Amino acid sequence: MAKERGFSLVELLIVVAIIAAIAAIAIPNLLSAIMAAHEAAAVGSMRAYTGAQQVYSATNGGRYGWMPQLSADGYLDERWNRTVAGSWTGSFAGYAFTDLIYVAGWGQPFPPGGYWLFAQPPSGSGRYKYFMTGDGVVRYFEAMPGYSLPSGVVTGDPIGR
């Protein structure tokens, strides 16, 4: 009788168990790394928005621009110029961005009042919501469900503390 070649069922099951154990360790770490990358991209995008607002304001009589204006005039790229649920928003890098422009005496172009930018991740895309005002400092807004702000941090604290 010729000797059979190949793997036994037990050997194959052991290999499958080892692969499953490695995946159980690696997948949560991968998801955590993806969230951290989305958060870093959101913070970087918020800082780019501040730069765009500063240049826009300097060339438009001190007024601030909405995301569609900043995008249409070339201060921000087209990712910032989208409409979601009837509101202007930028949605990329795992976050959705919404801006608010305040004008003294609402509806009058001068003097400028300021702006706010909010960044919120869709579920599972990031741990934190962020906001920024005209001072250009990115701050924690709140944590997403299932997460908490870093130890010692409260809403309104700048990131990187």
C-alpha atoms as a PDB file:
ATOM      1  CA  MET A   1       0.000   0.000   0.000  1.00  0.00           C
ATOM      2  CA  ALA A   2       1.376   3.436  -0.987  1.00  0.00           C
ATOM      3  CA  LYS A   3       1.890   6.048   1.708  1.00  0.00           C
ATOM      4  CA  GLU A   4      -0.696   8.835   1.409  1.00  0.00           C
ATOM      5  CA  ARG A   5       0.604  12.404   1.053  1.00  0.00           C
ATOM      6  CA  GLY A   6      -1.048  15.543   2.408  1.00  0.00           C
ATOM      7  CA  PHE A   7      -2.238  16.998   5.675  1.00  0.00           C
ATOM      8  CA  SER A   8      -4.516  15.313   8.164  1.00  0.00           C
ATOM      9  CA  LEU A   9      -7.708  16.967   9.334  1.00  0.00           C
ATOM     10  CA  VAL A  10      -6.172  17.615  12.754  1.00  0.00           C
ATOM     11  CA  GLU A  11      -3.195  19.427  11.213  1.00  0.00           C
ATOM     12  CA  LEU A  12      -5.487  21.615   9.119  1.00  0.00           C
ATOM     13  CA  LEU A  13      -7.627  22.455  12.166  1.00  0.00           C
ATOM     14  CA  ILE A  14      -4.519  23.462  14.117  1.00  0.00           C
ATOM     15  CA  VAL A  15      -3.452  25.820  11.305  1.00  0.00           C
ATOM     16  CA  VAL A  16      -6.944  27.352  11.158  1.00  0.00           C
ATOM     17  CA  ALA A  17      -6.937  27.842  14.953  1.00  0.00           C
ATOM     18  CA  ILE A  18      -3.554  29.600  14.817  1.00  0.00           C
ATOM     19  CA  ILE A  19      -4.731  31.922  12.021  1.00  0.00           C
ATOM     20  CA  ALA A  20      -7.923  32.717  13.982  1.00  0.00           C
ATOM     21  CA  ALA A  21      -5.901  33.546  17.114  1.00  0.00           C
ATOM     22  CA  ILE A  22      -3.625  35.888  15.155  1.00  0.00           C
ATOM     23  CA  ALA A  23      -6.639  37.580  13.545  1.00  0.00           C
ATOM     24  CA  ALA A  24      -8.305  38.010  16.960  1.00  0.00           C
ATOM     25  CA  ILE A  25      -5.231  39.912  18.137  1.00  0.00           C
ATOM     26  CA  ALA A  26      -4.534  41.898  14.960  1.00  0.00           C
ATOM     27  CA  ILE A  27      -8.001  43.092  13.900  1.00  0.00           C
ATOM     28  CA  PRO A  28      -8.782  45.223  17.005  1.00  0.00           C
ATOM     29  CA  ASN A  29      -5.332  46.822  16.761  1.00  0.00           C
ATOM     30  CA  LEU A  30      -5.914  47.542  13.074  1.00  0.00           C
ATOM     31  CA  LEU A  31      -9.300  49.143  13.775  1.00  0.00           C
ATOM     32  CA  SER A  32      -7.768  51.261  16.535  1.00  0.00           C
ATOM     33  CA  ALA A  33      -4.995  52.403  14.179  1.00  0.00           C
ATOM     34  CA  ILE A  34      -7.569  53.318  11.517  1.00  0.00           C
ATOM     35  CA  MET A  35      -9.517  55.422  14.058  1.00  0.00           C
ATOM     36  CA  ALA A  36      -6.336  57.187  15.147  1.00  0.00           C
ATOM     37  CA  ALA A  37      -5.512  57.936  11.491  1.00  0.00           C
ATOM     38  CA  HIS A  38      -9.005  59.369  10.911  1.00  0.00           C
ATOM     39  CA  GLU A  39      -8.670  61.554  14.006  1.00  0.00           C
ATOM     40  CA  ALA A  40      -5.265  62.862  12.924  1.00  0.00           C
ATOM     41  CA  ALA A  41      -6.605  63.592   9.432  1.00  0.00           C
ATOM     42  CA  ALA A  42      -9.608  65.425  10.915  1.00  0.00           C
ATOM     43  CA  VAL A  43      -7.384  67.618  13.084  1.00  0.00           C
ATOM     44  CA  GLY A  44      -5.120  68.373  10.125  1.00  0.00           C
ATOM     45  CA  SER A  45      -8.121  69.225   7.964  1.00  0.00           C
ATOM     46  CA  MET A  46      -9.458  71.571  10.630  1.00  0.00           C
ATOM     47  CA  ARG A  47      -6.119  73.375  10.705  1.00  0.00           C
ATOM     48  CA  ALA A  48      -6.192  73.674   6.901  1.00  0.00           C
ATOM     49  CA  TYR A  49      -9.680  75.198   7.205  1.00  0.00           C
ATOM     50  CA  THR A  50      -8.294  77.861   9.575  1.00  0.00           C
ATOM     51  CA  GLY A  51      -5.588  78.744   7.074  1.00  0.00           C
ATOM     52  CA  ALA A  52      -8.171  78.996   4.314  1.00  0.00           C
ATOM     53  CA  GLN A  53     -10.365  81.259   6.476  1.00  0.00           C
ATOM     54  CA  GLN A  54      -7.434  83.547   7.262  1.00  0.00           C
ATOM     55  CA  VAL A  55      -6.493  83.976   3.609  1.00  0.00           C
ATOM     56  CA  TYR A  56     -10.148  84.382   2.546  1.00  0.00           C
ATOM     57  CA  SER A  57     -10.714  86.991   5.252  1.00  0.00           C
ATOM     58  CA  ALA A  58      -7.582  88.916   4.271  1.00  0.00           C
ATOM     59  CA  THR A  59      -8.688  89.084   0.634  1.00  0.00           C
ATOM     60  CA  ASN A  60     -12.416  89.690   1.244  1.00  0.00           C
ATOM     61  CA  GLY A  61     -12.618  92.681   3.524  1.00  0.00           C
ATOM     62  CA  GLY A  62     -12.401  90.772   6.792  1.00  0.00           C
ATOM     63  CA  ARG A  63     -15.379  88.540   6.077  1.00  0.00           C
ATOM     64  CA  TYR A  64     -15.274  84.788   6.608  1.00  0.00           C
ATOM     65  CA  GLY A  65     -16.481  82.335   3.988  1.00  0.00           C
ATOM     66  CA  TRP A  66     -18.683  79.259   4.121  1.00  0.00           C
ATOM     67  CA  MET A  67     -17.185  75.960   3.013  1.00  0.00           C
ATOM     68  CA  PRO A  68     -18.762  76.212  -0.476  1.00  0.00           C
ATOM     69  CA  GLN A  69     -17.273  79.712  -0.937  1.00  0.00           C
ATOM     70  CA  LEU A  70     -13.838  78.624   0.262  1.00  0.00           C
ATOM     71  CA  SER A  71     -13.958  75.624  -2.047  1.00  0.00           C
ATOM     72  CA  ALA A  72     -15.314  77.488  -5.070  1.00  0.00           C
ATOM     73  CA  ASP A  73     -12.638  80.189  -4.702  1.00  0.00           C
ATOM     74  CA  GLY A  74      -9.861  77.584  -4.437  1.00  0.00           C
ATOM     75  CA  TYR A  75      -8.969  78.041  -0.768  1.00  0.00           C
ATOM     76  CA  LEU A  76     -10.121  74.479   0.012  1.00  0.00           C
ATOM     77  CA  ASP A  77     -10.447  71.489  -2.295  1.00  0.00           C
ATOM     78  CA  GLU A  78     -13.758  70.094  -3.575  1.00  0.00           C
ATOM     79  CA  ARG A  79     -14.139  67.627  -0.689  1.00  0.00           C
ATOM     80  CA  TRP A  80     -15.308  70.547   1.444  1.00  0.00           C
ATOM     81  CA  ASN A  81     -18.132  71.436  -0.980  1.00  0.00           C
ATOM     82  CA  ARG A  82     -20.860  68.834  -0.456  1.00  0.00           C
ATOM     83  CA  THR A  83     -24.464  68.921   0.652  1.00  0.00           C
ATOM     84  CA  VAL A  84     -25.650  66.303   3.140  1.00  0.00           C
ATOM     85  CA  ALA A  85     -29.224  66.343   4.425  1.00  0.00           C
ATOM     86  CA  GLY A  86     -29.736  69.881   3.103  1.00  0.00           C
ATOM     87  CA  SER A  87     -26.703  71.342   4.876  1.00  0.00           C
ATOM     88  CA  TRP A  88     -23.258  72.200   3.553  1.00  0.00           C
ATOM     89  CA  THR A  89     -20.669  69.816   4.861  1.00  0.00           C
ATOM     90  CA  GLY A  90     -17.342  68.321   3.985  1.00  0.00           C
ATOM     91  CA  SER A  91     -17.151  64.594   4.471  1.00  0.00           C
ATOM     92  CA  PHE A  92     -13.830  62.822   4.045  1.00  0.00           C
ATOM     93  CA  ALA A  93     -11.049  61.132   6.010  1.00  0.00           C
ATOM     94  CA  GLY A  94     -13.608  59.405   8.207  1.00  0.00           C
ATOM     95  CA  TYR A  95     -15.197  62.637   9.484  1.00  0.00           C
ATOM     96  CA  ALA A  96     -17.994  65.018   8.514  1.00  0.00           C
ATOM     97  CA  PHE A  97     -17.238  68.751   8.840  1.00  0.00           C
ATOM     98  CA  THR A  98     -19.817  71.491   9.336  1.00  0.00           C
ATOM     99  CA  ASP A  99     -19.073  75.208   9.643  1.00  0.00           C
ATOM    100  CA  LEU A 100     -21.026  78.109  11.096  1.00  0.00           C
ATOM    101  CA  ILE A 101     -20.250  81.711  10.171  1.00  0.00           C
ATOM    102  CA  TYR A 102     -21.395  84.416  12.566  1.00  0.00           C
ATOM    103  CA  VAL A 103     -21.834  87.957  11.370  1.00  0.00           C
ATOM    104  CA  ALA A 104     -22.605  90.827  13.714  1.00  0.00           C
ATOM    105  CA  GLY A 105     -26.172  91.923  13.053  1.00  0.00           C
ATOM    106  CA  TRP A 106     -26.818  88.628  11.230  1.00  0.00           C
ATOM    107  CA  GLY A 107     -27.231  89.167   7.514  1.00  0.00           C
ATOM    108  CA  GLN A 108     -24.932  92.184   7.343  1.00  0.00           C
ATOM    109  CA  PRO A 109     -21.535  91.589   5.751  1.00  0.00           C
ATOM    110  CA  PHE A 110     -19.556  93.784   8.195  1.00  0.00           C
ATOM    111  CA  PRO A 111     -18.070  93.580  10.748  1.00  0.00           C
ATOM    112  CA  PRO A 112     -17.164  89.895  10.777  1.00  0.00           C
ATOM    113  CA  GLY A 113     -18.274  87.926  13.792  1.00  0.00           C
ATOM    114  CA  GLY A 114     -16.304  84.699  13.616  1.00  0.00           C
ATOM    115  CA  TYR A 115     -16.657  81.065  12.697  1.00  0.00           C
ATOM    116  CA  TRP A 116     -16.981  77.610  14.208  1.00  0.00           C
ATOM    117  CA  LEU A 117     -16.027  74.323  12.600  1.00  0.00           C
ATOM    118  CA  PHE A 118     -17.337  70.997  13.889  1.00  0.00           C
ATOM    119  CA  ALA A 119     -15.921  67.564  13.040  1.00  0.00           C
ATOM    120  CA  GLN A 120     -17.938  64.448  13.776  1.00  0.00           C
ATOM    121  CA  PRO A 121     -17.084  60.877  12.850  1.00  0.00           C
ATOM    122  CA  PRO A 122     -19.717  58.479  11.594  1.00  0.00           C
ATOM    123  CA  SER A 123     -20.174  55.542  13.962  1.00  0.00           C
ATOM    124  CA  GLY A 124     -17.014  53.441  14.228  1.00  0.00           C
ATOM    125  CA  SER A 125     -14.825  55.929  12.351  1.00  0.00           C
ATOM    126  CA  GLY A 126     -13.414  57.867  15.291  1.00  0.00           C
ATOM    127  CA  ARG A 127     -13.557  58.191  19.064  1.00  0.00           C
ATOM    128  CA  TYR A 128     -13.984  61.953  19.461  1.00  0.00           C
ATOM    129  CA  LYS A 129     -15.909  64.922  18.094  1.00  0.00           C
ATOM    130  CA  TYR A 130     -13.926  68.139  17.696  1.00  0.00           C
ATOM    131  CA  PHE A 131     -14.671  71.825  17.294  1.00  0.00           C
ATOM    132  CA  MET A 132     -12.691  74.938  16.496  1.00  0.00           C
ATOM    133  CA  THR A 133     -13.449  78.645  16.652  1.00  0.00           C
ATOM    134  CA  GLY A 134     -11.766  81.601  14.994  1.00  0.00           C
ATOM    135  CA  ASP A 135      -8.772  81.269  17.322  1.00  0.00           C
ATOM    136  CA  GLY A 136      -7.682  78.228  15.261  1.00  0.00           C
ATOM    137  CA  VAL A 137      -7.337  75.926  18.275  1.00  0.00           C
ATOM    138  CA  VAL A 138      -8.811  72.457  17.763  1.00  0.00           C
ATOM    139  CA  ARG A 139     -10.677  71.369  20.902  1.00  0.00           C
ATOM    140  CA  TYR A 140     -12.448  68.284  22.162  1.00  0.00           C
ATOM    141  CA  PHE A 141     -16.216  68.512  21.882  1.00  0.00           C
ATOM    142  CA  GLU A 142     -17.291  65.131  23.245  1.00  0.00           C
ATOM    143  CA  ALA A 143     -16.613  61.424  22.971  1.00  0.00           C
ATOM    144  CA  MET A 144     -18.577  59.102  20.748  1.00  0.00           C
ATOM    145  CA  PRO A 145     -20.807  56.470  22.408  1.00  0.00           C
ATOM    146  CA  GLY A 146     -18.719  53.704  23.953  1.00  0.00           C
ATOM    147  CA  TYR A 147     -15.673  55.957  24.420  1.00  0.00           C
ATOM    148  CA  SER A 148     -14.653  58.633  26.894  1.00  0.00           C
ATOM    149  CA  LEU A 149     -12.441  61.689  26.587  1.00  0.00           C
ATOM    150  CA  PRO A 150      -8.804  61.138  27.574  1.00  0.00           C
ATOM    151  CA  SER A 151      -8.106  61.157  31.301  1.00  0.00           C
ATOM    152  CA  GLY A 152      -8.205  64.669  32.758  1.00  0.00           C
ATOM    153  CA  VAL A 153      -9.701  66.207  29.602  1.00  0.00           C
ATOM    154  CA  VAL A 154     -13.060  67.994  29.527  1.00  0.00           C
ATOM    155  CA  THR A 155     -15.094  69.477  26.692  1.00  0.00           C
ATOM    156  CA  GLY A 156     -13.378  72.584  25.355  1.00  0.00           C
ATOM    157  CA  ASP A 157      -9.844  71.506  26.220  1.00  0.00           C
ATOM    158  CA  PRO A 158      -7.379  71.810  23.350  1.00  0.00           C
ATOM    159  CA  ILE A 159      -6.198  68.561  21.847  1.00  0.00           C
ATOM    160  CA  GLY A 160      -2.663  67.500  22.664  1.00  0.00           C
ATOM    161  CA  ARG A 161      -2.842  68.455  26.343  1.00  0.00           C
END
